Amino acid sequence: MITHVKKIIRVEDTFARISGDEFSLIVEEVSDKNYIDVLSKKILTSVSTPIYFNGSYISITCSIGISRYLQDSDTKENLIHFADLAMYKAKESGKSNYIYFEDL
């Protein structure tokens, strides 16, 4: 999954594993919501591409929660918390989905 996402994001973006199966993507200097929509859809499509492993194809899904600096908060703690809340709502809404915190 990490390799798939790193091929999509810009060099200046930060992608990291937080814990277990949770990852964080920090996209700096982007205020265009359309760009974030396109990026989220590319990530969902890339991650859902089946992987051949040990004689079988494995498919995974991901749920993306999005919070935006200043739009939702100006602290990193709140941004992480709000993205987490949005991610859980995306999981509830079905697999391979993304939701903005502002839409909760």
PDB file of N, CA and C in Angstrom:
ATOM      1  N   MET A   1       0.811  -1.180   0.000  1.00  0.00           N
ATOM      2  CA  MET A   1       0.000   0.000   0.000  1.00  0.00           C
ATOM      3  C   MET A   1       0.866   1.260   0.000  1.00  0.00           C
ATOM      4  N   ILE A   2       1.905   1.266   0.795  1.00  0.00           N
ATOM      5  CA  ILE A   2       2.765   2.437   0.881  1.00  0.00           C
ATOM      6  C   ILE A   2       3.338   2.778  -0.487  1.00  0.00           C
ATOM      7  N   THR A   3       3.793   1.781  -1.209  1.00  0.00           N
ATOM      8  CA  THR A   3       4.362   2.002  -2.530  1.00  0.00           C
ATOM      9  C   THR A   3       3.326   2.588  -3.477  1.00  0.00           C
ATOM     10  N   HIS A   4       2.096   2.077  -3.421  1.00  0.00           N
ATOM     11  CA  HIS A   4       1.036   2.581  -4.285  1.00  0.00           C
ATOM     12  C   HIS A   4       0.772   4.066  -4.030  1.00  0.00           C
ATOM     13  N   VAL A   5       0.688   4.438  -2.784  1.00  0.00           N
ATOM     14  CA  VAL A   5       0.376   5.823  -2.427  1.00  0.00           C
ATOM     15  C   VAL A   5       1.537   6.755  -2.767  1.00  0.00           C
ATOM     16  N   LYS A   6       2.750   6.320  -2.501  1.00  0.00           N
ATOM     17  CA  LYS A   6       3.907   7.174  -2.770  1.00  0.00           C
ATOM     18  C   LYS A   6       4.053   7.478  -4.257  1.00  0.00           C
ATOM     19  N   LYS A   7       3.547   6.624  -5.124  1.00  0.00           N
ATOM     20  CA  LYS A   7       3.586   6.880  -6.564  1.00  0.00           C
ATOM     21  C   LYS A   7       2.596   7.971  -6.969  1.00  0.00           C
ATOM     22  N   ILE A   8       1.605   8.222  -6.143  1.00  0.00           N
ATOM     23  CA  ILE A   8       0.529   9.163  -6.464  1.00  0.00           C
ATOM     24  C   ILE A   8       0.793  10.557  -5.897  1.00  0.00           C
ATOM     25  N   ILE A   9       1.374  10.609  -4.709  1.00  0.00           N
ATOM     26  CA  ILE A   9       1.521  11.899  -4.022  1.00  0.00           C
ATOM     27  C   ILE A   9       2.729  12.676  -4.543  1.00  0.00           C
ATOM     28  N   ARG A  10       2.761  13.952  -4.192  1.00  0.00           N
ATOM     29  CA  ARG A  10       3.870  14.814  -4.581  1.00  0.00           C
ATOM     30  C   ARG A  10       5.061  14.591  -3.643  1.00  0.00           C
ATOM     31  N   VAL A  11       6.221  15.000  -4.076  1.00  0.00           N
ATOM     32  CA  VAL A  11       7.445  14.859  -3.274  1.00  0.00           C
ATOM     33  C   VAL A  11       7.315  15.612  -1.946  1.00  0.00           C
ATOM     34  N   GLU A  12       6.663  16.758  -1.962  1.00  0.00           N
ATOM     35  CA  GLU A  12       6.550  17.577  -0.752  1.00  0.00           C
ATOM     36  C   GLU A  12       5.489  17.094   0.225  1.00  0.00           C
ATOM     37  N   ASP A  13       4.691  16.101  -0.154  1.00  0.00           N
ATOM     38  CA  ASP A  13       3.685  15.539   0.744  1.00  0.00           C
ATOM     39  C   ASP A  13       4.338  14.519   1.678  1.00  0.00           C
ATOM     40  N   THR A  14       3.730  14.340   2.848  1.00  0.00           N
ATOM     41  CA  THR A  14       4.261  13.404   3.840  1.00  0.00           C
ATOM     42  C   THR A  14       3.264  12.278   4.059  1.00  0.00           C
ATOM     43  N   PHE A  15       3.710  11.047   3.837  1.00  0.00           N
ATOM     44  CA  PHE A  15       2.890   9.861   4.036  1.00  0.00           C
ATOM     45  C   PHE A  15       3.583   8.973   5.042  1.00  0.00           C
ATOM     46  N   ALA A  16       2.862   8.591   6.115  1.00  0.00           N
ATOM     47  CA  ALA A  16       3.493   7.792   7.166  1.00  0.00           C
ATOM     48  C   ALA A  16       2.476   6.864   7.816  1.00  0.00           C
ATOM     49  N   ARG A  17       2.987   5.772   8.328  1.00  0.00           N
ATOM     50  CA  ARG A  17       2.166   4.838   9.089  1.00  0.00           C
ATOM     51  C   ARG A  17       2.073   5.366  10.515  1.00  0.00           C
ATOM     52  N   ILE A  18       0.843   5.480  11.015  1.00  0.00           N
ATOM     53  CA  ILE A  18       0.636   5.950  12.383  1.00  0.00           C
ATOM     54  C   ILE A  18       0.711   4.770  13.336  1.00  0.00           C
ATOM     55  N   SER A  19      -0.084   3.743  13.061  1.00  0.00           N
ATOM     56  CA  SER A  19      -0.066   2.516  13.856  1.00  0.00           C
ATOM     57  C   SER A  19      -0.924   1.482  13.157  1.00  0.00           C
ATOM     58  N   GLY A  20      -0.606   0.227  13.383  1.00  0.00           N
ATOM     59  CA  GLY A  20      -1.412  -0.854  12.818  1.00  0.00           C
ATOM     60  C   GLY A  20      -1.731  -0.627  11.355  1.00  0.00           C
ATOM     61  N   ASP A  21      -3.014  -0.468  11.062  1.00  0.00           N
ATOM     62  CA  ASP A  21      -3.435  -0.261   9.680  1.00  0.00           C
ATOM     63  C   ASP A  21      -3.868   1.182   9.416  1.00  0.00           C
ATOM     64  N   GLU A  22      -3.375   2.121  10.228  1.00  0.00           N
ATOM     65  CA  GLU A  22      -3.714   3.531  10.048  1.00  0.00           C
ATOM     66  C   GLU A  22      -2.506   4.305   9.530  1.00  0.00           C
ATOM     67  N   PHE A  23      -2.786   5.116   8.519  1.00  0.00           N
ATOM     68  CA  PHE A  23      -1.757   5.925   7.884  1.00  0.00           C
ATOM     69  C   PHE A  23      -2.208   7.374   7.861  1.00  0.00           C
ATOM     70  N   SER A  24      -1.252   8.256   7.680  1.00  0.00           N
ATOM     71  CA  SER A  24      -1.558   9.684   7.605  1.00  0.00           C
ATOM     72  C   SER A  24      -0.890  10.251   6.360  1.00  0.00           C
ATOM     73  N   LEU A  25      -1.611  11.148   5.693  1.00  0.00           N
ATOM     74  CA  LEU A  25      -1.063  11.855   4.541  1.00  0.00           C
ATOM     75  C   LEU A  25      -1.243  13.343   4.789  1.00  0.00           C
ATOM     76  N   ILE A  26      -0.143  14.065   4.785  1.00  0.00           N
ATOM     77  CA  ILE A  26      -0.187  15.515   4.950  1.00  0.00           C
ATOM     78  C   ILE A  26       0.102  16.123   3.584  1.00  0.00           C
ATOM     79  N   VAL A  27      -0.893  16.838   3.071  1.00  0.00           N
ATOM     80  CA  VAL A  27      -0.777  17.498   1.773  1.00  0.00           C
ATOM     81  C   VAL A  27      -0.705  18.990   2.045  1.00  0.00           C
ATOM     82  N   GLU A  28       0.466  19.559   1.839  1.00  0.00           N
ATOM     83  CA  GLU A  28       0.672  20.967   2.170  1.00  0.00           C
ATOM     84  C   GLU A  28       0.390  21.881   0.984  1.00  0.00           C
ATOM     85  N   GLU A  29       0.010  23.108   1.329  1.00  0.00           N
ATOM     86  CA  GLU A  29      -0.175  24.164   0.338  1.00  0.00           C
ATOM     87  C   GLU A  29      -1.234  23.833  -0.720  1.00  0.00           C
ATOM     88  N   VAL A  30      -2.290  23.147  -0.314  1.00  0.00           N
ATOM     89  CA  VAL A  30      -3.388  22.839  -1.229  1.00  0.00           C
ATOM     90  C   VAL A  30      -4.688  23.301  -0.587  1.00  0.00           C
ATOM     91  N   SER A  31      -5.349  24.220  -1.235  1.00  0.00           N
ATOM     92  CA  SER A  31      -6.641  24.686  -0.723  1.00  0.00           C
ATOM     93  C   SER A  31      -7.786  24.263  -1.640  1.00  0.00           C
ATOM     94  N   ASP A  32      -7.452  23.754  -2.817  1.00  0.00           N
ATOM     95  CA  ASP A  32      -8.450  23.353  -3.801  1.00  0.00           C
ATOM     96  C   ASP A  32      -9.069  22.010  -3.420  1.00  0.00           C
ATOM     97  N   LYS A  33     -10.338  22.037  -3.040  1.00  0.00           N
ATOM     98  CA  LYS A  33     -11.027  20.814  -2.630  1.00  0.00           C
ATOM     99  C   LYS A  33     -11.101  19.801  -3.774  1.00  0.00           C
ATOM    100  N   ASN A  34     -11.196  20.277  -4.998  1.00  0.00           N
ATOM    101  CA  ASN A  34     -11.233  19.380  -6.154  1.00  0.00           C
ATOM    102  C   ASN A  34      -9.942  18.555  -6.244  1.00  0.00           C
ATOM    103  N   TYR A  35      -8.800  19.184  -5.955  1.00  0.00           N
ATOM    104  CA  TYR A  35      -7.525  18.461  -5.965  1.00  0.00           C
ATOM    105  C   TYR A  35      -7.548  17.339  -4.929  1.00  0.00           C
ATOM    106  N   ILE A  36      -8.073  17.640  -3.746  1.00  0.00           N
ATOM    107  CA  ILE A  36      -8.142  16.637  -2.678  1.00  0.00           C
ATOM    108  C   ILE A  36      -9.089  15.504  -3.080  1.00  0.00           C
ATOM    109  N   ASP A  37     -10.199  15.831  -3.721  1.00  0.00           N
ATOM    110  CA  ASP A  37     -11.126  14.798  -4.208  1.00  0.00           C
ATOM    111  C   ASP A  37     -10.438  13.869  -5.206  1.00  0.00           C
ATOM    112  N   VAL A  38      -9.762  14.458  -6.179  1.00  0.00           N
ATOM    113  CA  VAL A  38      -9.068  13.666  -7.204  1.00  0.00           C
ATOM    114  C   VAL A  38      -7.991  12.798  -6.569  1.00  0.00           C
ATOM    115  N   LEU A  39      -7.211  13.371  -5.668  1.00  0.00           N
ATOM    116  CA  LEU A  39      -6.156  12.621  -4.984  1.00  0.00           C
ATOM    117  C   LEU A  39      -6.741  11.461  -4.184  1.00  0.00           C
ATOM    118  N   SER A  40      -7.811  11.710  -3.452  1.00  0.00           N
ATOM    119  CA  SER A  40      -8.448  10.655  -2.651  1.00  0.00           C
ATOM    120  C   SER A  40      -8.949   9.520  -3.540  1.00  0.00           C
ATOM    121  N   LYS A  41      -9.563   9.854  -4.650  1.00  0.00           N
ATOM    122  CA  LYS A  41     -10.060   8.828  -5.579  1.00  0.00           C
ATOM    123  C   LYS A  41      -8.913   8.020  -6.178  1.00  0.00           C
ATOM    124  N   LYS A  42      -7.804   8.695  -6.507  1.00  0.00           N
ATOM    125  CA  LYS A  42      -6.632   7.978  -7.035  1.00  0.00           C
ATOM    126  C   LYS A  42      -6.083   7.001  -6.003  1.00  0.00           C
ATOM    127  N   ILE A  43      -6.025   7.429  -4.746  1.00  0.00           N
ATOM    128  CA  ILE A  43      -5.525   6.553  -3.685  1.00  0.00           C
ATOM    129  C   ILE A  43      -6.450   5.350  -3.520  1.00  0.00           C
ATOM    130  N   LEU A  44      -7.748   5.587  -3.468  1.00  0.00           N
ATOM    131  CA  LEU A  44      -8.712   4.489  -3.312  1.00  0.00           C
ATOM    132  C   LEU A  44      -8.590   3.485  -4.450  1.00  0.00           C
ATOM    133  N   THR A  45      -8.463   3.975  -5.667  1.00  0.00           N
ATOM    134  CA  THR A  45      -8.340   3.095  -6.833  1.00  0.00           C
ATOM    135  C   THR A  45      -7.035   2.307  -6.786  1.00  0.00           C
ATOM    136  N   SER A  46      -5.945   2.985  -6.486  1.00  0.00           N
ATOM    137  CA  SER A  46      -4.638   2.336  -6.454  1.00  0.00           C
ATOM    138  C   SER A  46      -4.559   1.258  -5.378  1.00  0.00           C
ATOM    139  N   VAL A  47      -5.040   1.593  -4.199  1.00  0.00           N
ATOM    140  CA  VAL A  47      -4.977   0.644  -3.079  1.00  0.00           C
ATOM    141  C   VAL A  47      -5.860  -0.571  -3.339  1.00  0.00           C
ATOM    142  N   SER A  48      -6.973  -0.381  -4.020  1.00  0.00           N
ATOM    143  CA  SER A  48      -7.899  -1.502  -4.235  1.00  0.00           C
ATOM    144  C   SER A  48      -7.465  -2.432  -5.369  1.00  0.00           C
ATOM    145  N   THR A  49      -6.399  -2.091  -6.087  1.00  0.00           N
ATOM    146  CA  THR A  49      -5.894  -2.972  -7.139  1.00  0.00           C
ATOM    147  C   THR A  49      -5.380  -4.263  -6.500  1.00  0.00           C
ATOM    148  N   PRO A  50      -5.918  -5.417  -6.927  1.00  0.00           N
ATOM    149  CA  PRO A  50      -5.485  -6.684  -6.317  1.00  0.00           C
ATOM    150  C   PRO A  50      -3.976  -6.909  -6.446  1.00  0.00           C
ATOM    151  N   ILE A  51      -3.407  -7.506  -5.414  1.00  0.00           N
ATOM    152  CA  ILE A  51      -1.981  -7.813  -5.350  1.00  0.00           C
ATOM    153  C   ILE A  51      -1.819  -9.326  -5.374  1.00  0.00           C
ATOM    154  N   TYR A  52      -0.922  -9.803  -6.217  1.00  0.00           N
ATOM    155  CA  TYR A  52      -0.645 -11.243  -6.270  1.00  0.00           C
ATOM    156  C   TYR A  52       0.384 -11.576  -5.205  1.00  0.00           C
ATOM    157  N   PHE A  53       0.006 -12.459  -4.268  1.00  0.00           N
ATOM    158  CA  PHE A  53       0.890 -12.818  -3.166  1.00  0.00           C
ATOM    159  C   PHE A  53       0.731 -14.289  -2.836  1.00  0.00           C
ATOM    160  N   ASN A  54       1.824 -15.010  -2.873  1.00  0.00           N
ATOM    161  CA  ASN A  54       1.851 -16.402  -2.442  1.00  0.00           C
ATOM    162  C   ASN A  54       0.788 -17.259  -3.149  1.00  0.00           C
ATOM    163  N   GLY A  55       0.640 -17.041  -4.450  1.00  0.00           N
ATOM    164  CA  GLY A  55      -0.269 -17.860  -5.237  1.00  0.00           C
ATOM    165  C   GLY A  55      -1.711 -17.395  -5.273  1.00  0.00           C
ATOM    166  N   SER A  56      -2.011 -16.279  -4.648  1.00  0.00           N
ATOM    167  CA  SER A  56      -3.390 -15.773  -4.617  1.00  0.00           C
ATOM    168  C   SER A  56      -3.414 -14.262  -4.814  1.00  0.00           C
ATOM    169  N   TYR A  57      -4.544 -13.790  -5.272  1.00  0.00           N
ATOM    170  CA  TYR A  57      -4.753 -12.345  -5.359  1.00  0.00           C
ATOM    171  C   TYR A  57      -5.415 -11.869  -4.071  1.00  0.00           C
ATOM    172  N   ILE A  58      -4.879 -10.789  -3.546  1.00  0.00           N
ATOM    173  CA  ILE A  58      -5.398 -10.203  -2.311  1.00  0.00           C
ATOM    174  C   ILE A  58      -5.892  -8.798  -2.639  1.00  0.00           C
ATOM    175  N   SER A  59      -7.090  -8.500  -2.183  1.00  0.00           N
ATOM    176  CA  SER A  59      -7.636  -7.156  -2.364  1.00  0.00           C
ATOM    177  C   SER A  59      -7.815  -6.505  -1.002  1.00  0.00           C
ATOM    178  N   ILE A  60      -7.503  -5.234  -0.941  1.00  0.00           N
ATOM    179  CA  ILE A  60      -7.724  -4.487   0.289  1.00  0.00           C
ATOM    180  C   ILE A  60      -8.540  -3.235  -0.040  1.00  0.00           C
ATOM    181  N   THR A  61      -9.096  -2.657   0.980  1.00  0.00           N
ATOM    182  CA  THR A  61      -9.823  -1.408   0.823  1.00  0.00           C
ATOM    183  C   THR A  61      -9.255  -0.409   1.829  1.00  0.00           C
ATOM    184  N   CYS A  62      -9.601   0.839   1.627  1.00  0.00           N
ATOM    185  CA  CYS A  62      -9.215   1.827   2.632  1.00  0.00           C
ATOM    186  C   CYS A  62     -10.331   2.845   2.786  1.00  0.00           C
ATOM    187  N   SER A  63     -10.364   3.429   3.946  1.00  0.00           N
ATOM    188  CA  SER A  63     -11.313   4.490   4.254  1.00  0.00           C
ATOM    189  C   SER A  63     -10.496   5.729   4.587  1.00  0.00           C
ATOM    190  N   ILE A  64     -10.878   6.851   4.000  1.00  0.00           N
ATOM    191  CA  ILE A  64     -10.104   8.079   4.149  1.00  0.00           C
ATOM    192  C   ILE A  64     -10.941   9.132   4.862  1.00  0.00           C
ATOM    193  N   GLY A  65     -10.391   9.665   5.939  1.00  0.00           N
ATOM    194  CA  GLY A  65     -10.995  10.791   6.642  1.00  0.00           C
ATOM    195  C   GLY A  65     -10.148  12.020   6.389  1.00  0.00           C
ATOM    196  N   ILE A  66     -10.787  13.122   6.039  1.00  0.00           N
ATOM    197  CA  ILE A  66     -10.060  14.325   5.655  1.00  0.00           C
ATOM    198  C   ILE A  66     -10.426  15.485   6.574  1.00  0.00           C
ATOM    199  N   SER A  67      -9.403  16.116   7.131  1.00  0.00           N
ATOM    200  CA  SER A  67      -9.593  17.382   7.832  1.00  0.00           C
ATOM    201  C   SER A  67      -8.632  18.371   7.199  1.00  0.00           C
ATOM    202  N   ARG A  68      -9.042  19.644   7.184  1.00  0.00           N
ATOM    203  CA  ARG A  68      -8.244  20.665   6.503  1.00  0.00           C
ATOM    204  C   ARG A  68      -7.839  21.776   7.469  1.00  0.00           C
ATOM    205  N   TYR A  69      -6.577  22.140   7.355  1.00  0.00           N
ATOM    206  CA  TYR A  69      -6.004  23.195   8.181  1.00  0.00           C
ATOM    207  C   TYR A  69      -6.751  24.503   7.958  1.00  0.00           C
ATOM    208  N   LEU A  70      -7.075  25.134   9.022  1.00  0.00           N
ATOM    209  CA  LEU A  70      -7.843  26.369   9.116  1.00  0.00           C
ATOM    210  C   LEU A  70      -9.329  26.159   8.823  1.00  0.00           C
ATOM    211  N   GLN A  71      -9.667  25.368   7.823  1.00  0.00           N
ATOM    212  CA  GLN A  71     -11.076  25.072   7.545  1.00  0.00           C
ATOM    213  C   GLN A  71     -11.699  24.376   8.762  1.00  0.00           C
ATOM    214  N   ASP A  72     -10.991  23.384   9.319  1.00  0.00           N
ATOM    215  CA  ASP A  72     -11.511  22.599  10.440  1.00  0.00           C
ATOM    216  C   ASP A  72     -10.854  22.945  11.770  1.00  0.00           C
ATOM    217  N   SER A  73      -9.580  23.284  11.725  1.00  0.00           N
ATOM    218  CA  SER A  73      -8.849  23.614  12.953  1.00  0.00           C
ATOM    219  C   SER A  73      -7.490  24.190  12.589  1.00  0.00           C
ATOM    220  N   ASP A  74      -6.827  24.773  13.587  1.00  0.00           N
ATOM    221  CA  ASP A  74      -5.471  25.257  13.371  1.00  0.00           C
ATOM    222  C   ASP A  74      -4.457  24.534  14.268  1.00  0.00           C
ATOM    223  N   THR A  75      -4.905  23.426  14.889  1.00  0.00           N
ATOM    224  CA  THR A  75      -3.970  22.643  15.700  1.00  0.00           C
ATOM    225  C   THR A  75      -3.829  21.239  15.120  1.00  0.00           C
ATOM    226  N   LYS A  76      -2.619  20.723  15.205  1.00  0.00           N
ATOM    227  CA  LYS A  76      -2.382  19.385  14.647  1.00  0.00           C
ATOM    228  C   LYS A  76      -3.182  18.326  15.399  1.00  0.00           C
ATOM    229  N   GLU A  77      -3.339  18.505  16.716  1.00  0.00           N
ATOM    230  CA  GLU A  77      -4.091  17.528  17.510  1.00  0.00           C
ATOM    231  C   GLU A  77      -5.541  17.446  17.035  1.00  0.00           C
ATOM    232  N   ASN A  78      -6.166  18.590  16.839  1.00  0.00           N
ATOM    233  CA  ASN A  78      -7.552  18.590  16.351  1.00  0.00           C
ATOM    234  C   ASN A  78      -7.653  18.065  14.926  1.00  0.00           C
ATOM    235  N   LEU A  79      -6.715  18.440  14.078  1.00  0.00           N
ATOM    236  CA  LEU A  79      -6.751  17.962  12.696  1.00  0.00           C
ATOM    237  C   LEU A  79      -6.671  16.438  12.631  1.00  0.00           C
ATOM    238  N   ILE A  80      -5.800  15.867  13.447  1.00  0.00           N
ATOM    239  CA  ILE A  80      -5.680  14.398  13.503  1.00  0.00           C
ATOM    240  C   ILE A  80      -6.966  13.791  14.052  1.00  0.00           C
ATOM    241  N   HIS A  81      -7.481  14.352  15.122  1.00  0.00           N
ATOM    242  CA  HIS A  81      -8.721  13.850  15.729  1.00  0.00           C
ATOM    243  C   HIS A  81      -9.891  13.948  14.747  1.00  0.00           C
ATOM    244  N   PHE A  82     -10.026  15.081  14.075  1.00  0.00           N
ATOM    245  CA  PHE A  82     -11.131  15.272  13.138  1.00  0.00           C
ATOM    246  C   PHE A  82     -11.014  14.357  11.925  1.00  0.00           C
ATOM    247  N   ALA A  83      -9.799  14.152  11.432  1.00  0.00           N
ATOM    248  CA  ALA A  83      -9.595  13.221  10.315  1.00  0.00           C
ATOM    249  C   ALA A  83      -9.955  11.797  10.746  1.00  0.00           C
ATOM    250  N   ASP A  84      -9.616  11.457  11.984  1.00  0.00           N
ATOM    251  CA  ASP A  84      -9.945  10.137  12.524  1.00  0.00           C
ATOM    252  C   ASP A  84     -11.463   9.945  12.604  1.00  0.00           C
ATOM    253  N   LEU A  85     -12.178  10.956  13.090  1.00  0.00           N
ATOM    254  CA  LEU A  85     -13.647  10.877  13.148  1.00  0.00           C
ATOM    255  C   LEU A  85     -14.243  10.710  11.750  1.00  0.00           C
ATOM    256  N   ALA A  86     -13.713  11.464  10.795  1.00  0.00           N
ATOM    257  CA  ALA A  86     -14.205  11.363   9.417  1.00  0.00           C
ATOM    258  C   ALA A  86     -13.895   9.988   8.822  1.00  0.00           C
ATOM    259  N   MET A  87     -12.728   9.435   9.155  1.00  0.00           N
ATOM    260  CA  MET A  87     -12.359   8.117   8.654  1.00  0.00           C
ATOM    261  C   MET A  87     -13.319   7.042   9.159  1.00  0.00           C
ATOM    262  N   TYR A  88     -13.684   7.109  10.433  1.00  0.00           N
ATOM    263  CA  TYR A  88     -14.635   6.130  10.966  1.00  0.00           C
ATOM    264  C   TYR A  88     -16.004   6.274  10.324  1.00  0.00           C
ATOM    265  N   LYS A  89     -16.395   7.502  10.012  1.00  0.00           N
ATOM    266  CA  LYS A  89     -17.660   7.712   9.302  1.00  0.00           C
ATOM    267  C   LYS A  89     -17.567   7.144   7.881  1.00  0.00           C
ATOM    268  N   ALA A  90     -16.411   7.295   7.243  1.00  0.00           N
ATOM    269  CA  ALA A  90     -16.204   6.723   5.906  1.00  0.00           C
ATOM    270  C   ALA A  90     -16.299   5.202   5.960  1.00  0.00           C
ATOM    271  N   LYS A  91     -15.757   4.599   7.009  1.00  0.00           N
ATOM    272  CA  LYS A  91     -15.856   3.144   7.173  1.00  0.00           C
ATOM    273  C   LYS A  91     -17.305   2.705   7.310  1.00  0.00           C
ATOM    274  N   GLU A  92     -18.076   3.463   8.081  1.00  0.00           N
ATOM    275  CA  GLU A  92     -19.497   3.146   8.267  1.00  0.00           C
ATOM    276  C   GLU A  92     -20.284   3.275   6.959  1.00  0.00           C
ATOM    277  N   SER A  93     -19.840   4.173   6.097  1.00  0.00           N
ATOM    278  CA  SER A  93     -20.558   4.452   4.849  1.00  0.00           C
ATOM    279  C   SER A  93     -20.273   3.434   3.759  1.00  0.00           C
ATOM    280  N   GLY A  94     -19.341   2.555   3.978  1.00  0.00           N
ATOM    281  CA  GLY A  94     -19.000   1.538   2.991  1.00  0.00           C
ATOM    282  C   GLY A  94     -17.516   1.544   2.703  1.00  0.00           C
ATOM    283  N   LYS A  95     -17.042   0.483   2.132  1.00  0.00           N
ATOM    284  CA  LYS A  95     -15.616   0.341   1.870  1.00  0.00           C
ATOM    285  C   LYS A  95     -15.174   1.235   0.716  1.00  0.00           C
ATOM    286  N   SER A  96     -13.891   1.558   0.712  1.00  0.00           N
ATOM    287  CA  SER A  96     -13.290   2.395  -0.329  1.00  0.00           C
ATOM    288  C   SER A  96     -14.046   3.711  -0.488  1.00  0.00           C
ATOM    289  N   ASN A  97     -14.010   4.497   0.570  1.00  0.00           N
ATOM    290  CA  ASN A  97     -14.748   5.741   0.600  1.00  0.00           C
ATOM    291  C   ASN A  97     -13.913   6.806   1.303  1.00  0.00           C
ATOM    292  N   TYR A  98     -14.223   8.067   1.027  1.00  0.00           N
ATOM    293  CA  TYR A  98     -13.581   9.163   1.761  1.00  0.00           C
ATOM    294  C   TYR A  98     -14.625  10.179   2.169  1.00  0.00           C
ATOM    295  N   ILE A  99     -14.386  10.823   3.306  1.00  0.00           N
ATOM    296  CA  ILE A  99     -15.318  11.815   3.834  1.00  0.00           C
ATOM    297  C   ILE A  99     -14.526  12.951   4.460  1.00  0.00           C
ATOM    298  N   TYR A 100     -15.004  14.159   4.246  1.00  0.00           N
ATOM    299  CA  TYR A 100     -14.435  15.341   4.881  1.00  0.00           C
ATOM    300  C   TYR A 100     -15.072  15.513   6.268  1.00  0.00           C
ATOM    301  N   PHE A 101     -14.263  15.971   7.213  1.00  0.00           N
ATOM    302  CA  PHE A 101     -14.784  16.235   8.552  1.00  0.00           C
ATOM    303  C   PHE A 101     -15.925  17.242   8.498  1.00  0.00           C
ATOM    304  N   GLU A 102     -15.810  18.232   7.652  1.00  0.00           N
ATOM    305  CA  GLU A 102     -16.836  19.274   7.540  1.00  0.00           C
ATOM    306  C   GLU A 102     -18.190  18.736   7.088  1.00  0.00           C
ATOM    307  N   ASP A 103     -18.198  17.532   6.509  1.00  0.00           N
ATOM    308  CA  ASP A 103     -19.453  16.930   6.025  1.00  0.00           C
ATOM    309  C   ASP A 103     -20.124  16.016   7.041  1.00  0.00           C
ATOM    310  N   LEU A 104     -19.539  15.897   8.231  1.00  0.00           N
ATOM    311  CA  LEU A 104     -20.133  15.027   9.251  1.00  0.00           C
ATOM    312  C   LEU A 104     -21.406  15.631   9.801  1.00  0.00           C
TER     313      LEU A 104
END
